[in-house]
PDB file of N, CA and C in Angstrom:
ATOM      1  N   UNK A   1       0.795  -1.212  -0.351  1.00  0.00           N
ATOM      2  CA  UNK A   1       0.192  -0.113   0.090  1.00  0.00           C
ATOM      3  C   UNK A   1       0.531   1.131   0.304  1.00  0.00           C
ATOM      4  N   UNK A   2       0.114   1.879  -1.142  1.00  0.00           N
ATOM      5  CA  UNK A   2       1.484   3.557  -1.133  1.00  0.00           C
ATOM      6  C   UNK A   2       0.810   4.299   0.316  1.00  0.00           C
ATOM      7  N   UNK A   3       1.191   4.981   0.439  1.00  0.00           N
ATOM      8  CA  UNK A   3       0.812   6.668   1.041  1.00  0.00           C
ATOM      9  C   UNK A   3       1.423   7.372   0.264  1.00  0.00           C
ATOM     10  N   UNK A   4       0.111   7.933  -0.320  1.00  0.00           N
ATOM     11  CA  UNK A   4      -0.070   9.480  -1.314  1.00  0.00           C
ATOM     12  C   UNK A   4      -0.029  10.348  -0.306  1.00  0.00           C
ATOM     13  N   UNK A   5      -0.032  10.400   1.329  1.00  0.00           N
ATOM     14  CA  UNK A   5       0.263  12.181   1.611  1.00  0.00           C
ATOM     15  C   UNK A   5       1.107  12.260   1.594  1.00  0.00           C
ATOM     16  N   UNK A   6       0.854  13.918   1.566  1.00  0.00           N
ATOM     17  CA  UNK A   6       2.560  14.527   1.454  1.00  0.00           C
ATOM     18  C   UNK A   6       3.487  14.597   2.368  1.00  0.00           C
ATOM     19  N   UNK A   7       4.145  14.594   2.256  1.00  0.00           N
ATOM     20  CA  UNK A   7       5.399  14.372   2.894  1.00  0.00           C
ATOM     21  C   UNK A   7       5.548  15.798   3.683  1.00  0.00           C
ATOM     22  N   UNK A   8       5.308  15.829   5.331  1.00  0.00           N
ATOM     23  CA  UNK A   8       5.564  16.852   6.089  1.00  0.00           C
ATOM     24  C   UNK A   8       7.293  17.505   6.259  1.00  0.00           C
ATOM     25  N   UNK A   9       6.976  18.558   6.002  1.00  0.00           N
ATOM     26  CA  UNK A   9       8.235  19.777   6.379  1.00  0.00           C
ATOM     27  C   UNK A   9       8.033  20.122   7.134  1.00  0.00           C
ATOM     28  N   UNK A  10       9.096  20.361   7.858  1.00  0.00           N
ATOM     29  CA  UNK A  10       8.825  21.200   9.692  1.00  0.00           C
ATOM     30  C   UNK A  10       9.704  22.294   9.461  1.00  0.00           C
ATOM     31  N   UNK A  11       9.693  23.034  10.481  1.00  0.00           N
ATOM     32  CA  UNK A  11       9.896  24.359  10.677  1.00  0.00           C
ATOM     33  C   UNK A  11      11.275  23.965  10.019  1.00  0.00           C
ATOM     34  N   UNK A  12      12.190  25.842   8.873  1.00  0.00           N
ATOM     35  CA  UNK A  12      13.406  25.859   8.968  1.00  0.00           C
ATOM     36  C   UNK A  12      13.941  26.270   9.739  1.00  0.00           C
ATOM     37  N   UNK A  13      15.592  25.083  10.280  1.00  0.00           N
ATOM     38  CA  UNK A  13      16.308  25.357  10.878  1.00  0.00           C
ATOM     39  C   UNK A  13      16.589  26.738  10.909  1.00  0.00           C
ATOM     40  N   UNK A  14      17.267  27.251  11.636  1.00  0.00           N
ATOM     41  CA  UNK A  14      17.780  28.850  12.069  1.00  0.00           C
ATOM     42  C   UNK A  14      18.713  29.075  11.084  1.00  0.00           C
ATOM     43  N   UNK A  15      19.829  28.735  10.270  1.00  0.00           N
ATOM     44  CA  UNK A  15      20.264  28.777   9.323  1.00  0.00           C
ATOM     45  C   UNK A  15      19.272  29.095   7.948  1.00  0.00           C
ATOM     46  N   UNK A  16      18.480  28.206   7.934  1.00  0.00           N
ATOM     47  CA  UNK A  16      17.669  29.056   6.826  1.00  0.00           C
ATOM     48  C   UNK A  16      16.674  29.779   6.715  1.00  0.00           C
ATOM     49  N   UNK A  17      16.193  30.004   8.102  1.00  0.00           N
ATOM     50  CA  UNK A  17      15.560  31.134   8.457  1.00  0.00           C
ATOM     51  C   UNK A  17      16.539  32.344   8.675  1.00  0.00           C
ATOM     52  N   UNK A  18      17.229  32.109   9.182  1.00  0.00           N
ATOM     53  CA  UNK A  18      18.267  33.983   8.871  1.00  0.00           C
ATOM     54  C   UNK A  18      18.041  34.529   7.769  1.00  0.00           C
ATOM     55  N   UNK A  19      18.341  33.302   6.692  1.00  0.00           N
ATOM     56  CA  UNK A  19      18.706  33.856   5.498  1.00  0.00           C
ATOM     57  C   UNK A  19      17.383  34.215   4.913  1.00  0.00           C
ATOM     58  N   UNK A  20      16.084  33.466   4.847  1.00  0.00           N
ATOM     59  CA  UNK A  20      15.067  33.733   4.492  1.00  0.00           C
ATOM     60  C   UNK A  20      14.487  35.397   4.882  1.00  0.00           C
ATOM     61  N   UNK A  21      15.133  35.730   5.993  1.00  0.00           N
ATOM     62  CA  UNK A  21      14.815  36.695   6.565  1.00  0.00           C
ATOM     63  C   UNK A  21      15.728  37.992   6.056  1.00  0.00           C
ATOM     64  N   UNK A  22      16.819  37.770   6.112  1.00  0.00           N
ATOM     65  CA  UNK A  22      17.749  38.850   5.756  1.00  0.00           C
ATOM     66  C   UNK A  22      17.378  39.013   4.280  1.00  0.00           C
ATOM     67  N   UNK A  23      17.246  37.623   3.412  1.00  0.00           N
ATOM     68  CA  UNK A  23      16.646  38.468   1.838  1.00  0.00           C
ATOM     69  C   UNK A  23      15.178  39.324   1.831  1.00  0.00           C
ATOM     70  N   UNK A  24      14.462  38.888   2.948  1.00  0.00           N
ATOM     71  CA  UNK A  24      13.182  39.408   2.642  1.00  0.00           C
ATOM     72  C   UNK A  24      13.489  41.638   3.494  1.00  0.00           C
ATOM     73  N   UNK A  25      14.167  41.256   4.920  1.00  0.00           N
ATOM     74  CA  UNK A  25      14.664  43.018   5.053  1.00  0.00           C
ATOM     75  C   UNK A  25      15.625  43.466   4.139  1.00  0.00           C
ATOM     76  N   UNK A  26      16.634  42.517   3.895  1.00  0.00           N
ATOM     77  CA  UNK A  26      17.582  44.071   3.168  1.00  0.00           C
ATOM     78  C   UNK A  26      16.569  44.677   2.122  1.00  0.00           C
ATOM     79  N   UNK A  27      16.375  43.887   1.107  1.00  0.00           N
ATOM     80  CA  UNK A  27      15.543  44.936   0.231  1.00  0.00           C
ATOM     81  C   UNK A  27      14.460  45.761   0.143  1.00  0.00           C
ATOM     82  N   UNK A  28      13.426  45.677   2.212  1.00  0.00           N
ATOM     83  CA  UNK A  28      12.657  46.110   2.432  1.00  0.00           C
ATOM     84  C   UNK A  28      13.035  47.549   2.509  1.00  0.00           C
ATOM     85  N   UNK A  29      14.180  47.401   3.540  1.00  0.00           N
ATOM     86  CA  UNK A  29      15.083  48.484   4.037  1.00  0.00           C
ATOM     87  C   UNK A  29      15.293  49.446   2.732  1.00  0.00           C
ATOM     88  N   UNK A  30      16.009  48.591   2.136  1.00  0.00           N
ATOM     89  CA  UNK A  30      16.390  49.762   1.008  1.00  0.00           C
ATOM     90  C   UNK A  30      15.862  50.452   0.182  1.00  0.00           C
ATOM     91  N   UNK A  31      14.512  49.865  -0.076  1.00  0.00           N
ATOM     92  CA  UNK A  31      13.442  50.173  -0.980  1.00  0.00           C
ATOM     93  C   UNK A  31      12.989  51.311   0.201  1.00  0.00           C
ATOM     94  N   UNK A  32      12.603  51.014   0.975  1.00  0.00           N
ATOM     95  CA  UNK A  32      12.156  51.917   1.959  1.00  0.00           C
ATOM     96  C   UNK A  32      12.812  53.634   2.738  1.00  0.00           C
ATOM     97  N   UNK A  33      14.401  53.205   2.272  1.00  0.00           N
ATOM     98  CA  UNK A  33      15.020  53.891   2.697  1.00  0.00           C
ATOM     99  C   UNK A  33      15.567  55.103   1.640  1.00  0.00           C
ATOM    100  N   UNK A  34      15.049  54.114   0.907  1.00  0.00           N
ATOM    101  CA  UNK A  34      15.197  55.456  -1.266  1.00  0.00           C
ATOM    102  C   UNK A  34      14.151  55.857  -0.765  1.00  0.00           C
ATOM    103  N   UNK A  35      12.693  55.485  -0.373  1.00  0.00           N
ATOM    104  CA  UNK A  35      11.352  55.894  -0.662  1.00  0.00           C
ATOM    105  C   UNK A  35      11.409  57.046   0.105  1.00  0.00           C
ATOM    106  N   UNK A  36      11.573  56.994   1.362  1.00  0.00           N
ATOM    107  CA  UNK A  36      11.678  57.993   2.567  1.00  0.00           C
ATOM    108  C   UNK A  36      12.479  58.695   3.118  1.00  0.00           C
ATOM    109  N   UNK A  37      13.888  58.138   2.771  1.00  0.00           N
ATOM    110  CA  UNK A  37      15.432  58.361   3.192  1.00  0.00           C
ATOM    111  C   UNK A  37      15.387  60.005   3.655  1.00  0.00           C
ATOM    112  N   UNK A  38      14.721  60.924   2.086  1.00  0.00           N
ATOM    113  CA  UNK A  38      14.893  62.219   2.849  1.00  0.00           C
ATOM    114  C   UNK A  38      13.593  62.916   3.332  1.00  0.00           C
ATOM    115  N   UNK A  39      13.275  62.820   3.445  1.00  0.00           N
ATOM    116  CA  UNK A  39      11.641  62.483   4.210  1.00  0.00           C
ATOM    117  C   UNK A  39      12.020  62.836   5.710  1.00  0.00           C
ATOM    118  N   UNK A  40      11.987  61.448   5.979  1.00  0.00           N
ATOM    119  CA  UNK A  40      13.307  61.409   7.439  1.00  0.00           C
ATOM    120  C   UNK A  40      14.610  62.234   7.747  1.00  0.00           C
ATOM    121  N   UNK A  41      15.253  62.149   6.479  1.00  0.00           N
ATOM    122  CA  UNK A  41      16.185  62.720   7.160  1.00  0.00           C
ATOM    123  C   UNK A  41      16.761  63.528   8.557  1.00  0.00           C
ATOM    124  N   UNK A  42      15.779  64.383   8.191  1.00  0.00           N
ATOM    125  CA  UNK A  42      15.779  65.407   9.987  1.00  0.00           C
ATOM    126  C   UNK A  42      15.583  64.912  10.457  1.00  0.00           C
ATOM    127  N   UNK A  43      15.088  63.659  11.274  1.00  0.00           N
ATOM    128  CA  UNK A  43      14.180  63.510  12.072  1.00  0.00           C
ATOM    129  C   UNK A  43      15.434  62.292  12.984  1.00  0.00           C
ATOM    130  N   UNK A  44      15.093  62.523  13.865  1.00  0.00           N
ATOM    131  CA  UNK A  44      16.390  61.570  14.935  1.00  0.00           C
ATOM    132  C   UNK A  44      16.364  60.084  15.223  1.00  0.00           C
ATOM    133  N   UNK A  45      17.412  59.566  15.065  1.00  0.00           N
ATOM    134  CA  UNK A  45      17.740  58.426  14.751  1.00  0.00           C
ATOM    135  C   UNK A  45      16.550  57.260  14.815  1.00  0.00           C
ATOM    136  N   UNK A  46      16.431  57.626  16.742  1.00  0.00           N
ATOM    137  CA  UNK A  46      15.385  56.719  16.959  1.00  0.00           C
ATOM    138  C   UNK A  46      14.108  56.332  16.000  1.00  0.00           C
ATOM    139  N   UNK A  47      14.002  57.831  16.020  1.00  0.00           N
ATOM    140  CA  UNK A  47      12.050  57.688  15.392  1.00  0.00           C
ATOM    141  C   UNK A  47      12.405  57.055  14.012  1.00  0.00           C
ATOM    142  N   UNK A  48      13.651  57.445  13.427  1.00  0.00           N
ATOM    143  CA  UNK A  48      13.243  57.006  11.847  1.00  0.00           C
ATOM    144  C   UNK A  48      13.472  55.734  11.927  1.00  0.00           C
ATOM    145  N   UNK A  49      14.422  55.223  12.800  1.00  0.00           N
ATOM    146  CA  UNK A  49      14.083  53.448  13.210  1.00  0.00           C
ATOM    147  C   UNK A  49      12.682  53.398  13.401  1.00  0.00           C
ATOM    148  N   UNK A  50      12.406  53.933  14.318  1.00  0.00           N
ATOM    149  CA  UNK A  50      10.950  53.661  14.920  1.00  0.00           C
ATOM    150  C   UNK A  50      10.130  53.289  13.265  1.00  0.00           C
ATOM    151  N   UNK A  51      10.410  54.643  12.515  1.00  0.00           N
ATOM    152  CA  UNK A  51       8.912  54.422  11.311  1.00  0.00           C
ATOM    153  C   UNK A  51       9.557  53.863  10.524  1.00  0.00           C
ATOM    154  N   UNK A  52      10.674  53.158  10.220  1.00  0.00           N
ATOM    155  CA  UNK A  52      11.050  52.363   8.886  1.00  0.00           C
ATOM    156  C   UNK A  52      10.669  51.181   9.851  1.00  0.00           C
ATOM    157  N   UNK A  53      10.731  50.793  10.995  1.00  0.00           N
ATOM    158  CA  UNK A  53      10.753  49.427  11.365  1.00  0.00           C
ATOM    159  C   UNK A  53       9.266  48.916  11.427  1.00  0.00           C
ATOM    160  N   UNK A  54       8.338  49.968  11.350  1.00  0.00           N
ATOM    161  CA  UNK A  54       7.187  49.805  11.824  1.00  0.00           C
ATOM    162  C   UNK A  54       6.027  49.502  10.825  1.00  0.00           C
ATOM    163  N   UNK A  55       7.172  49.450   9.537  1.00  0.00           N
ATOM    164  CA  UNK A  55       6.498  50.284   8.088  1.00  0.00           C
ATOM    165  C   UNK A  55       7.450  48.680   7.791  1.00  0.00           C
ATOM    166  N   UNK A  56       8.650  47.944   7.878  1.00  0.00           N
ATOM    167  CA  UNK A  56       9.447  47.393   7.264  1.00  0.00           C
ATOM    168  C   UNK A  56       8.855  46.173   7.825  1.00  0.00           C
ATOM    169  N   UNK A  57       8.419  45.743   8.970  1.00  0.00           N
ATOM    170  CA  UNK A  57       8.254  44.574   9.910  1.00  0.00           C
ATOM    171  C   UNK A  57       6.829  43.762   9.214  1.00  0.00           C
ATOM    172  N   UNK A  58       5.598  44.858   9.163  1.00  0.00           N
ATOM    173  CA  UNK A  58       4.873  44.005   8.601  1.00  0.00           C
ATOM    174  C   UNK A  58       4.715  43.598   6.287  1.00  0.00           C
ATOM    175  N   UNK A  59       5.545  44.092   6.172  1.00  0.00           N
ATOM    176  CA  UNK A  59       5.879  44.207   5.162  1.00  0.00           C
ATOM    177  C   UNK A  59       6.882  42.559   4.719  1.00  0.00           C
ATOM    178  N   UNK A  60       7.862  42.651   5.859  1.00  0.00           N
ATOM    179  CA  UNK A  60       8.205  41.687   5.501  1.00  0.00           C
ATOM    180  C   UNK A  60       7.563  40.259   6.143  1.00  0.00           C
ATOM    181  N   UNK A  61       7.000  39.964   7.412  1.00  0.00           N
ATOM    182  CA  UNK A  61       6.435  39.230   7.588  1.00  0.00           C
ATOM    183  C   UNK A  61       4.929  39.143   7.151  1.00  0.00           C
ATOM    184  N   UNK A  62       3.977  39.227   6.477  1.00  0.00           N
ATOM    185  CA  UNK A  62       2.934  39.046   6.050  1.00  0.00           C
ATOM    186  C   UNK A  62       3.181  38.943   4.307  1.00  0.00           C
ATOM    187  N   UNK A  63       4.453  39.817   4.079  1.00  0.00           N
ATOM    188  CA  UNK A  63       4.167  39.850   2.411  1.00  0.00           C
ATOM    189  C   UNK A  63       5.378  39.463   1.789  1.00  0.00           C
ATOM    190  N   UNK A  64       6.101  39.189   2.846  1.00  0.00           N
ATOM    191  CA  UNK A  64       7.836  38.231   2.178  1.00  0.00           C
ATOM    192  C   UNK A  64       8.141  37.125   2.469  1.00  0.00           C
ATOM    193  N   UNK A  65       7.352  36.643   3.844  1.00  0.00           N
ATOM    194  CA  UNK A  65       7.722  35.632   3.985  1.00  0.00           C
ATOM    195  C   UNK A  65       6.851  34.532   3.791  1.00  0.00           C
ATOM    196  N   UNK A  66       5.408  34.636   3.672  1.00  0.00           N
ATOM    197  CA  UNK A  66       5.138  33.405   2.558  1.00  0.00           C
ATOM    198  C   UNK A  66       5.233  33.182   1.705  1.00  0.00           C
ATOM    199  N   UNK A  67       5.454  34.237   0.850  1.00  0.00           N
ATOM    200  CA  UNK A  67       6.257  33.201  -0.692  1.00  0.00           C
ATOM    201  C   UNK A  67       7.727  32.700  -0.522  1.00  0.00           C
ATOM    202  N   UNK A  68       8.832  33.759   0.039  1.00  0.00           N
ATOM    203  CA  UNK A  68       9.737  32.664   0.564  1.00  0.00           C
ATOM    204  C   UNK A  68       9.844  30.747   1.126  1.00  0.00           C
ATOM    205  N   UNK A  69       8.695  31.341   2.410  1.00  0.00           N
ATOM    206  CA  UNK A  69       8.449  29.612   2.909  1.00  0.00           C
ATOM    207  C   UNK A  69       8.059  28.820   1.936  1.00  0.00           C
ATOM    208  N   UNK A  70       7.321  29.326   1.315  1.00  0.00           N
ATOM    209  CA  UNK A  70       7.085  28.352   0.411  1.00  0.00           C
ATOM    210  C   UNK A  70       7.877  28.094  -1.133  1.00  0.00           C
ATOM    211  N   UNK A  71       8.593  28.737  -1.364  1.00  0.00           N
ATOM    212  CA  UNK A  71       9.989  28.742  -2.033  1.00  0.00           C
ATOM    213  C   UNK A  71      10.826  28.075  -1.648  1.00  0.00           C
ATOM    214  N   UNK A  72      11.161  27.674  -0.354  1.00  0.00           N
ATOM    215  CA  UNK A  72      11.850  26.505   0.599  1.00  0.00           C
ATOM    216  C   UNK A  72      11.073  25.386   0.297  1.00  0.00           C
ATOM    217  N   UNK A  73       9.804  25.064   0.349  1.00  0.00           N
ATOM    218  CA  UNK A  73       8.803  23.696   0.350  1.00  0.00           C
ATOM    219  C   UNK A  73       9.381  23.383  -1.166  1.00  0.00           C
ATOM    220  N   UNK A  74       9.139  24.224  -1.648  1.00  0.00           N
ATOM    221  CA  UNK A  74       9.482  23.984  -3.604  1.00  0.00           C
ATOM    222  C   UNK A  74      10.537  23.705  -3.312  1.00  0.00           C
ATOM    223  N   UNK A  75      11.905  24.068  -2.718  1.00  0.00           N
ATOM    224  CA  UNK A  75      13.280  23.590  -3.054  1.00  0.00           C
ATOM    225  C   UNK A  75      13.472  22.133  -2.498  1.00  0.00           C
ATOM    226  N   UNK A  76      12.602  22.243  -1.674  1.00  0.00           N
ATOM    227  CA  UNK A  76      12.908  20.853  -0.219  1.00  0.00           C
ATOM    228  C   UNK A  76      12.234  19.733  -0.733  1.00  0.00           C
ATOM    229  N   UNK A  77      11.309  20.084  -2.050  1.00  0.00           N
ATOM    230  CA  UNK A  77      10.229  18.373  -2.894  1.00  0.00           C
ATOM    231  C   UNK A  77      11.406  17.987  -3.654  1.00  0.00           C
TER     232      UNK A  77
END
């Protein structure tokens, strides 16, 4: 009897997760800096970081990580 249920792949190892996060965060922060850098150049560093991270985190978590996780699963199968 053959089992046709798909093989379940667990959560990514830490190094895979770190690479996926870097792949998502670096371009996101680069684009945000290009778009908002001049508008935020006079803001204090902490405020600038707060604004950029408030925009970047949802983009990374909800927009970029799901496709990266699907890509990882595709590559592992």
